[in-house]
Amino acid sequence: MIFTHQFVKHDGFLVMSGKDNVAVVLNDKHSGDTVDVSGNSLQLRDDINFGHKFAITPIEKGAEVIKYGEVIGVASENILPGQHVHVHNVKSLRGGNNGQSSGLSQ
């Protein structure tokens, strides 16, 4: 799935760039919730808290994780659409921490 828009605020989440493979949650979402991502129905696989991310496309282990059109890390495992994307499955590329996550929300 390729998104051609540059900024889309959906009901409860945000996709900032057509390059993004994650969306940012604007209010808490729950496992099993169904969201519409650019006309495609997607069921969330995890609880996702405000400000956190979920995958909107499959992200293979070693692939770039892209938020706001920028690479923020590399998937440390395969990530399915609707799955929470955070420090447990992303190796951060930000900061001087030798690739280790800072524990901060990305």
C-alpha atoms as a PDB file:
ATOM      1  CA  MET A   1       0.000   0.000   0.000  1.00  0.00           C
ATOM      2  CA  ILE A   2       1.417   3.384  -0.987  1.00  0.00           C
ATOM      3  CA  PHE A   3      -0.031   6.624   0.322  1.00  0.00           C
ATOM      4  CA  THR A   4       0.071   9.630  -1.965  1.00  0.00           C
ATOM      5  CA  HIS A   5      -1.070  12.289   0.484  1.00  0.00           C
ATOM      6  CA  GLN A   6       1.216  14.375   2.674  1.00  0.00           C
ATOM      7  CA  PHE A   7      -0.922  14.815   5.779  1.00  0.00           C
ATOM      8  CA  VAL A   8      -4.011  12.927   6.846  1.00  0.00           C
ATOM      9  CA  LYS A   9      -5.646  13.169  10.240  1.00  0.00           C
ATOM     10  CA  HIS A  10      -7.916  10.197  10.642  1.00  0.00           C
ATOM     11  CA  ASP A  11     -10.330   9.555  13.455  1.00  0.00           C
ATOM     12  CA  GLY A  12      -7.907   9.171  16.336  1.00  0.00           C
ATOM     13  CA  PHE A  13      -4.598   8.884  14.494  1.00  0.00           C
ATOM     14  CA  LEU A  14      -2.295  10.783  12.179  1.00  0.00           C
ATOM     15  CA  VAL A  15      -0.279   9.936   9.063  1.00  0.00           C
ATOM     16  CA  MET A  16       2.026  12.826   8.164  1.00  0.00           C
ATOM     17  CA  SER A  17       3.647  11.662   4.931  1.00  0.00           C
ATOM     18  CA  GLY A  18       2.969   9.336   2.050  1.00  0.00           C
ATOM     19  CA  LYS A  19       6.297   7.684   2.945  1.00  0.00           C
ATOM     20  CA  ASP A  20       5.115   6.710   6.449  1.00  0.00           C
ATOM     21  CA  ASN A  21       4.669   3.057   7.371  1.00  0.00           C
ATOM     22  CA  VAL A  22       3.387   3.945  10.854  1.00  0.00           C
ATOM     23  CA  ALA A  23       0.571   6.116  12.181  1.00  0.00           C
ATOM     24  CA  VAL A  24       0.587   8.087  15.442  1.00  0.00           C
ATOM     25  CA  VAL A  25      -2.351   7.600  17.811  1.00  0.00           C
ATOM     26  CA  LEU A  26      -4.128  10.773  18.980  1.00  0.00           C
ATOM     27  CA  ASN A  27      -6.231   8.958  21.582  1.00  0.00           C
ATOM     28  CA  ASP A  28      -5.870   5.564  23.206  1.00  0.00           C
ATOM     29  CA  LYS A  29      -6.821   2.637  20.972  1.00  0.00           C
ATOM     30  CA  HIS A  30      -7.454  -0.963  21.974  1.00  0.00           C
ATOM     31  CA  SER A  31      -6.572  -4.347  20.552  1.00  0.00           C
ATOM     32  CA  GLY A  32      -9.370  -5.365  18.211  1.00  0.00           C
ATOM     33  CA  ASP A  33     -10.367  -1.793  17.323  1.00  0.00           C
ATOM     34  CA  THR A  34     -10.843  -1.326  13.597  1.00  0.00           C
ATOM     35  CA  VAL A  35      -9.471   1.809  11.962  1.00  0.00           C
ATOM     36  CA  ASP A  36      -9.764   3.109   8.411  1.00  0.00           C
ATOM     37  CA  VAL A  37      -6.390   3.934   6.866  1.00  0.00           C
ATOM     38  CA  SER A  38      -6.951   5.686   3.543  1.00  0.00           C
ATOM     39  CA  GLY A  39      -9.936   3.513   2.683  1.00  0.00           C
ATOM     40  CA  ASN A  40      -8.421   0.286   3.988  1.00  0.00           C
ATOM     41  CA  SER A  41      -9.849  -1.337   7.115  1.00  0.00           C
ATOM     42  CA  LEU A  42      -7.170  -2.344   9.613  1.00  0.00           C
ATOM     43  CA  GLN A  43      -7.676  -4.169  12.921  1.00  0.00           C
ATOM     44  CA  LEU A  44      -5.309  -3.199  15.716  1.00  0.00           C
ATOM     45  CA  ARG A  45      -3.406  -6.140  17.186  1.00  0.00           C
ATOM     46  CA  ASP A  46      -2.345  -4.385  20.410  1.00  0.00           C
ATOM     47  CA  ASP A  47      -3.438  -1.644  22.775  1.00  0.00           C
ATOM     48  CA  ILE A  48      -1.858   1.597  21.546  1.00  0.00           C
ATOM     49  CA  ASN A  49      -1.527   4.551  23.935  1.00  0.00           C
ATOM     50  CA  PHE A  50      -1.727   8.225  23.010  1.00  0.00           C
ATOM     51  CA  GLY A  51       1.379   9.361  21.112  1.00  0.00           C
ATOM     52  CA  HIS A  52       2.489   5.836  20.260  1.00  0.00           C
ATOM     53  CA  LYS A  53       2.588   4.251  16.813  1.00  0.00           C
ATOM     54  CA  PHE A  54       1.094   1.320  14.960  1.00  0.00           C
ATOM     55  CA  ALA A  55       2.176  -0.169  11.649  1.00  0.00           C
ATOM     56  CA  ILE A  56      -0.004   0.695   8.662  1.00  0.00           C
ATOM     57  CA  THR A  57       1.890  -1.637   6.334  1.00  0.00           C
ATOM     58  CA  PRO A  58       3.938  -4.785   6.965  1.00  0.00           C
ATOM     59  CA  ILE A  59       7.458  -3.883   8.122  1.00  0.00           C
ATOM     60  CA  GLU A  60      10.025  -6.639   7.708  1.00  0.00           C
ATOM     61  CA  LYS A  61      12.864  -7.189  10.157  1.00  0.00           C
ATOM     62  CA  GLY A  62      15.710  -4.872   9.130  1.00  0.00           C
ATOM     63  CA  ALA A  63      13.423  -2.507   7.201  1.00  0.00           C
ATOM     64  CA  GLU A  64      13.250   1.208   7.930  1.00  0.00           C
ATOM     65  CA  VAL A  65      10.489   2.509  10.189  1.00  0.00           C
ATOM     66  CA  ILE A  66       9.258   5.817   8.780  1.00  0.00           C
ATOM     67  CA  LYS A  67       7.320   8.440  10.758  1.00  0.00           C
ATOM     68  CA  TYR A  68       6.596  12.005   9.555  1.00  0.00           C
ATOM     69  CA  GLY A  69       8.455  11.116   6.347  1.00  0.00           C
ATOM     70  CA  GLU A  70      11.705  10.437   8.227  1.00  0.00           C
ATOM     71  CA  VAL A  71      13.470   7.198   9.110  1.00  0.00           C
ATOM     72  CA  ILE A  72      13.313   6.830  12.898  1.00  0.00           C
ATOM     73  CA  GLY A  73      14.680   3.325  13.233  1.00  0.00           C
ATOM     74  CA  VAL A  74      14.946  -0.185  11.901  1.00  0.00           C
ATOM     75  CA  ALA A  75      12.549  -3.005  12.711  1.00  0.00           C
ATOM     76  CA  SER A  76      14.199  -5.511  15.056  1.00  0.00           C
ATOM     77  CA  GLU A  77      11.526  -8.089  14.155  1.00  0.00           C
ATOM     78  CA  ASN A  78       8.751  -8.458  11.586  1.00  0.00           C
ATOM     79  CA  ILE A  79       5.923  -6.033  12.378  1.00  0.00           C
ATOM     80  CA  LEU A  80       2.405  -6.677  11.119  1.00  0.00           C
ATOM     81  CA  PRO A  81      -0.113  -3.987  10.175  1.00  0.00           C
ATOM     82  CA  GLY A  82      -2.014  -2.930  13.281  1.00  0.00           C
ATOM     83  CA  GLN A  83       0.809  -3.932  15.610  1.00  0.00           C
ATOM     84  CA  HIS A  84       2.255  -1.518  18.205  1.00  0.00           C
ATOM     85  CA  VAL A  85       5.562  -0.047  16.999  1.00  0.00           C
ATOM     86  CA  HIS A  86       7.855   0.986  19.839  1.00  0.00           C
ATOM     87  CA  VAL A  87      11.154   0.169  21.570  1.00  0.00           C
ATOM     88  CA  HIS A  88      10.351  -3.545  21.809  1.00  0.00           C
ATOM     89  CA  ASN A  89      10.422  -3.991  18.021  1.00  0.00           C
ATOM     90  CA  VAL A  90      12.417  -1.013  16.692  1.00  0.00           C
ATOM     91  CA  LYS A  91      16.126  -0.277  16.929  1.00  0.00           C
ATOM     92  CA  SER A  92      16.362   3.502  17.181  1.00  0.00           C
ATOM     93  CA  LEU A  93      18.599   5.489  14.855  1.00  0.00           C
ATOM     94  CA  ARG A  94      18.224   8.659  16.897  1.00  0.00           C
ATOM     95  CA  GLY A  95      20.690  10.007  19.397  1.00  0.00           C
ATOM     96  CA  GLY A  96      24.159   8.867  20.349  1.00  0.00           C
ATOM     97  CA  ASN A  97      23.150   5.615  21.993  1.00  0.00           C
ATOM     98  CA  ASN A  98      24.889   3.171  19.646  1.00  0.00           C
ATOM     99  CA  GLY A  99      21.591   2.227  18.079  1.00  0.00           C
ATOM    100  CA  GLN A 100      20.005   1.293  21.387  1.00  0.00           C
ATOM    101  CA  SER A 101      16.623   2.743  22.151  1.00  0.00           C
ATOM    102  CA  SER A 102      16.570   5.624  24.581  1.00  0.00           C
ATOM    103  CA  GLY A 103      13.256   4.370  25.971  1.00  0.00           C
ATOM    104  CA  LEU A 104      11.611   7.588  24.845  1.00  0.00           C
ATOM    105  CA  SER A 105       8.511   7.515  22.705  1.00  0.00           C
ATOM    106  CA  GLN A 106       9.525   7.953  19.086  1.00  0.00           C
END
